[in-house]
C-alpha atoms as a PDB file:
ATOM      1  CA  MET A   1      99.589  73.133 118.707  1.00  0.00           C
ATOM      2  CA  SER A   2     100.835  69.968 117.027  1.00  0.00           C
ATOM      3  CA  GLU A   3     103.987  68.108 117.958  1.00  0.00           C
ATOM      4  CA  PRO A   4     107.128  69.855 116.633  1.00  0.00           C
ATOM      5  CA  SER A   5     109.312  68.154 114.088  1.00  0.00           C
ATOM      6  CA  THR A   6     112.946  67.287 114.711  1.00  0.00           C
ATOM      7  CA  VAL A   7     115.534  70.022 115.165  1.00  0.00           C
ATOM      8  CA  ARG A   8     117.746  70.125 112.107  1.00  0.00           C
ATOM      9  CA  ASP A   9     120.973  71.909 111.276  1.00  0.00           C
ATOM     10  CA  ASN A  10     120.578  73.942 108.089  1.00  0.00           C
ATOM     11  CA  LYS A  11     124.318  74.341 107.489  1.00  0.00           C
ATOM     12  CA  ALA A  12     123.777  76.387 104.308  1.00  0.00           C
ATOM     13  CA  ALA A  13     121.898  79.030 106.334  1.00  0.00           C
ATOM     14  CA  SER A  14     124.049  78.605 109.504  1.00  0.00           C
ATOM     15  CA  ARG A  15     121.052  77.960 111.698  1.00  0.00           C
ATOM     16  CA  TYR A  16     119.203  75.252 113.553  1.00  0.00           C
ATOM     17  CA  GLU A  17     115.546  74.977 112.630  1.00  0.00           C
ATOM     18  CA  LEU A  18     112.425  73.556 114.235  1.00  0.00           C
ATOM     19  CA  ALA A  19     109.193  73.450 112.224  1.00  0.00           C
ATOM     20  CA  VAL A  20     105.903  73.589 114.161  1.00  0.00           C
ATOM     21  CA  ASN A  21     102.474  73.962 112.554  1.00  0.00           C
ATOM     22  CA  GLY A  22     104.024  75.258 109.342  1.00  0.00           C
ATOM     23  CA  ASP A  23     106.050  77.917 111.210  1.00  0.00           C
ATOM     24  CA  LEU A  24     109.795  77.895 111.692  1.00  0.00           C
ATOM     25  CA  ALA A  25     111.750  78.637 114.865  1.00  0.00           C
ATOM     26  CA  ILE A  26     115.447  79.302 114.278  1.00  0.00           C
ATOM     27  CA  ALA A  27     118.713  79.555 116.192  1.00  0.00           C
ATOM     28  CA  VAL A  28     121.331  81.343 114.094  1.00  0.00           C
ATOM     29  CA  TYR A  29     124.997  80.541 114.672  1.00  0.00           C
ATOM     30  CA  GLN A  30     128.517  81.238 113.489  1.00  0.00           C
ATOM     31  CA  GLN A  31     131.010  78.397 113.614  1.00  0.00           C
ATOM     32  CA  ARG A  32     134.760  78.825 113.739  1.00  0.00           C
ATOM     33  CA  GLY A  33     136.714  75.636 114.180  1.00  0.00           C
ATOM     34  CA  ASP A  34     135.550  73.881 117.343  1.00  0.00           C
ATOM     35  CA  LEU A  35     133.542  76.901 118.558  1.00  0.00           C
ATOM     36  CA  ILE A  36     129.925  77.679 117.753  1.00  0.00           C
ATOM     37  CA  ALA A  37     128.465  81.053 118.694  1.00  0.00           C
ATOM     38  CA  PHE A  38     124.691  81.270 118.873  1.00  0.00           C
ATOM     39  CA  THR A  39     123.875  84.827 117.823  1.00  0.00           C
ATOM     40  CA  HIS A  40     120.084  84.963 117.487  1.00  0.00           C
ATOM     41  CA  THR A  41     117.041  82.872 118.341  1.00  0.00           C
ATOM     42  CA  GLU A  42     113.650  83.570 116.808  1.00  0.00           C
ATOM     43  CA  VAL A  43     110.318  81.927 117.583  1.00  0.00           C
ATOM     44  CA  PRO A  44     107.201  83.008 115.671  1.00  0.00           C
ATOM     45  CA  PRO A  45     104.856  84.996 117.959  1.00  0.00           C
ATOM     46  CA  GLU A  46     102.077  82.405 117.711  1.00  0.00           C
ATOM     47  CA  LEU A  47     104.445  79.739 119.078  1.00  0.00           C
ATOM     48  CA  GLU A  48     105.851  81.762 121.975  1.00  0.00           C
ATOM     49  CA  GLY A  49     105.150  80.435 125.444  1.00  0.00           C
ATOM     50  CA  HIS A  50     104.822  76.811 124.331  1.00  0.00           C
ATOM     51  CA  GLY A  51     108.409  75.670 124.926  1.00  0.00           C
ATOM     52  CA  VAL A  52     109.332  75.767 121.237  1.00  0.00           C
ATOM     53  CA  GLY A  53     112.448  77.870 121.845  1.00  0.00           C
ATOM     54  CA  SER A  54     113.641  75.547 124.595  1.00  0.00           C
ATOM     55  CA  THR A  55     112.985  72.487 122.419  1.00  0.00           C
ATOM     56  CA  LEU A  56     114.968  74.126 119.616  1.00  0.00           C
ATOM     57  CA  ILE A  57     117.955  74.943 121.811  1.00  0.00           C
ATOM     58  CA  LYS A  58     117.885  71.539 123.531  1.00  0.00           C
ATOM     59  CA  GLY A  59     118.078  69.844 120.127  1.00  0.00           C
ATOM     60  CA  ALA A  60     120.756  72.218 118.872  1.00  0.00           C
ATOM     61  CA  LEU A  61     122.901  71.629 121.957  1.00  0.00           C
ATOM     62  CA  ALA A  62     122.524  67.853 121.599  1.00  0.00           C
ATOM     63  CA  ASP A  63     123.922  68.156 118.073  1.00  0.00           C
ATOM     64  CA  VAL A  64     126.698  70.485 119.265  1.00  0.00           C
ATOM     65  CA  ARG A  65     127.624  67.945 121.953  1.00  0.00           C
ATOM     66  CA  ALA A  66     127.665  65.087 119.435  1.00  0.00           C
ATOM     67  CA  ARG A  67     129.976  67.123 117.205  1.00  0.00           C
ATOM     68  CA  GLY A  68     132.374  67.941 120.065  1.00  0.00           C
ATOM     69  CA  LEU A  69     131.947  71.712 119.783  1.00  0.00           C
ATOM     70  CA  ALA A  70     132.063  74.375 122.499  1.00  0.00           C
ATOM     71  CA  VAL A  71     129.338  77.024 122.773  1.00  0.00           C
ATOM     72  CA  ILE A  72     129.544  80.797 122.945  1.00  0.00           C
ATOM     73  CA  PRO A  73     126.068  82.009 123.999  1.00  0.00           C
ATOM     74  CA  ALA A  74     126.024  85.428 122.274  1.00  0.00           C
ATOM     75  CA  CYS A  75     122.218  85.220 122.129  1.00  0.00           C
ATOM     76  CA  GLU A  76     120.359  86.158 125.340  1.00  0.00           C
ATOM     77  CA  PHE A  77     117.894  83.283 124.939  1.00  0.00           C
ATOM     78  CA  VAL A  78     120.671  80.683 124.640  1.00  0.00           C
ATOM     79  CA  ALA A  79     122.528  82.226 127.595  1.00  0.00           C
ATOM     80  CA  ALA A  80     119.353  82.066 129.710  1.00  0.00           C
ATOM     81  CA  TYR A  81     118.697  78.466 128.636  1.00  0.00           C
ATOM     82  CA  LEU A  82     122.209  77.447 129.661  1.00  0.00           C
ATOM     83  CA  GLU A  83     121.818  79.232 132.991  1.00  0.00           C
ATOM     84  CA  ARG A  84     118.621  77.258 133.691  1.00  0.00           C
ATOM     85  CA  HIS A  85     120.193  73.936 132.613  1.00  0.00           C
ATOM     86  CA  PRO A  86     123.448  73.341 134.504  1.00  0.00           C
ATOM     87  CA  GLU A  87     123.710  69.881 132.907  1.00  0.00           C
ATOM     88  CA  GLU A  88     124.511  71.665 129.618  1.00  0.00           C
ATOM     89  CA  GLN A  89     127.059  74.135 130.994  1.00  0.00           C
ATOM     90  CA  ASP A  90     130.006  71.863 130.224  1.00  0.00           C
ATOM     91  CA  LEU A  91     129.435  72.913 126.597  1.00  0.00           C
ATOM     92  CA  LEU A  92     130.430  76.512 127.353  1.00  0.00           C
ATOM     93  CA  ALA A  93     133.658  77.672 125.773  1.00  0.00           C
ATOM     94  CA  GLY A  94     136.369  78.647 128.252  1.00  0.00           C
ATOM     95  CA  ASP A  95     137.641  82.210 128.453  1.00  0.00           C
END
């Protein structure tokens, strides 16, 4: 597996994208004001188990942090990532 490219925000498609070996991992979101809800994460089967999903979410959350947004982890993968990375939990939207 080659080195993944940079995580990018495809605003037109409302998703973060990470290209690896010609395949595309995505994290779909809905943004409302200062809140961003991650609703679905998809990693091509041939890339699973190589940390591509975690790299995608790490990059997406870095962008979210830079933009001053709060996260709603509606996607199970994003929720699990945040649970495993307490240093990112300050991004969680309050109740």
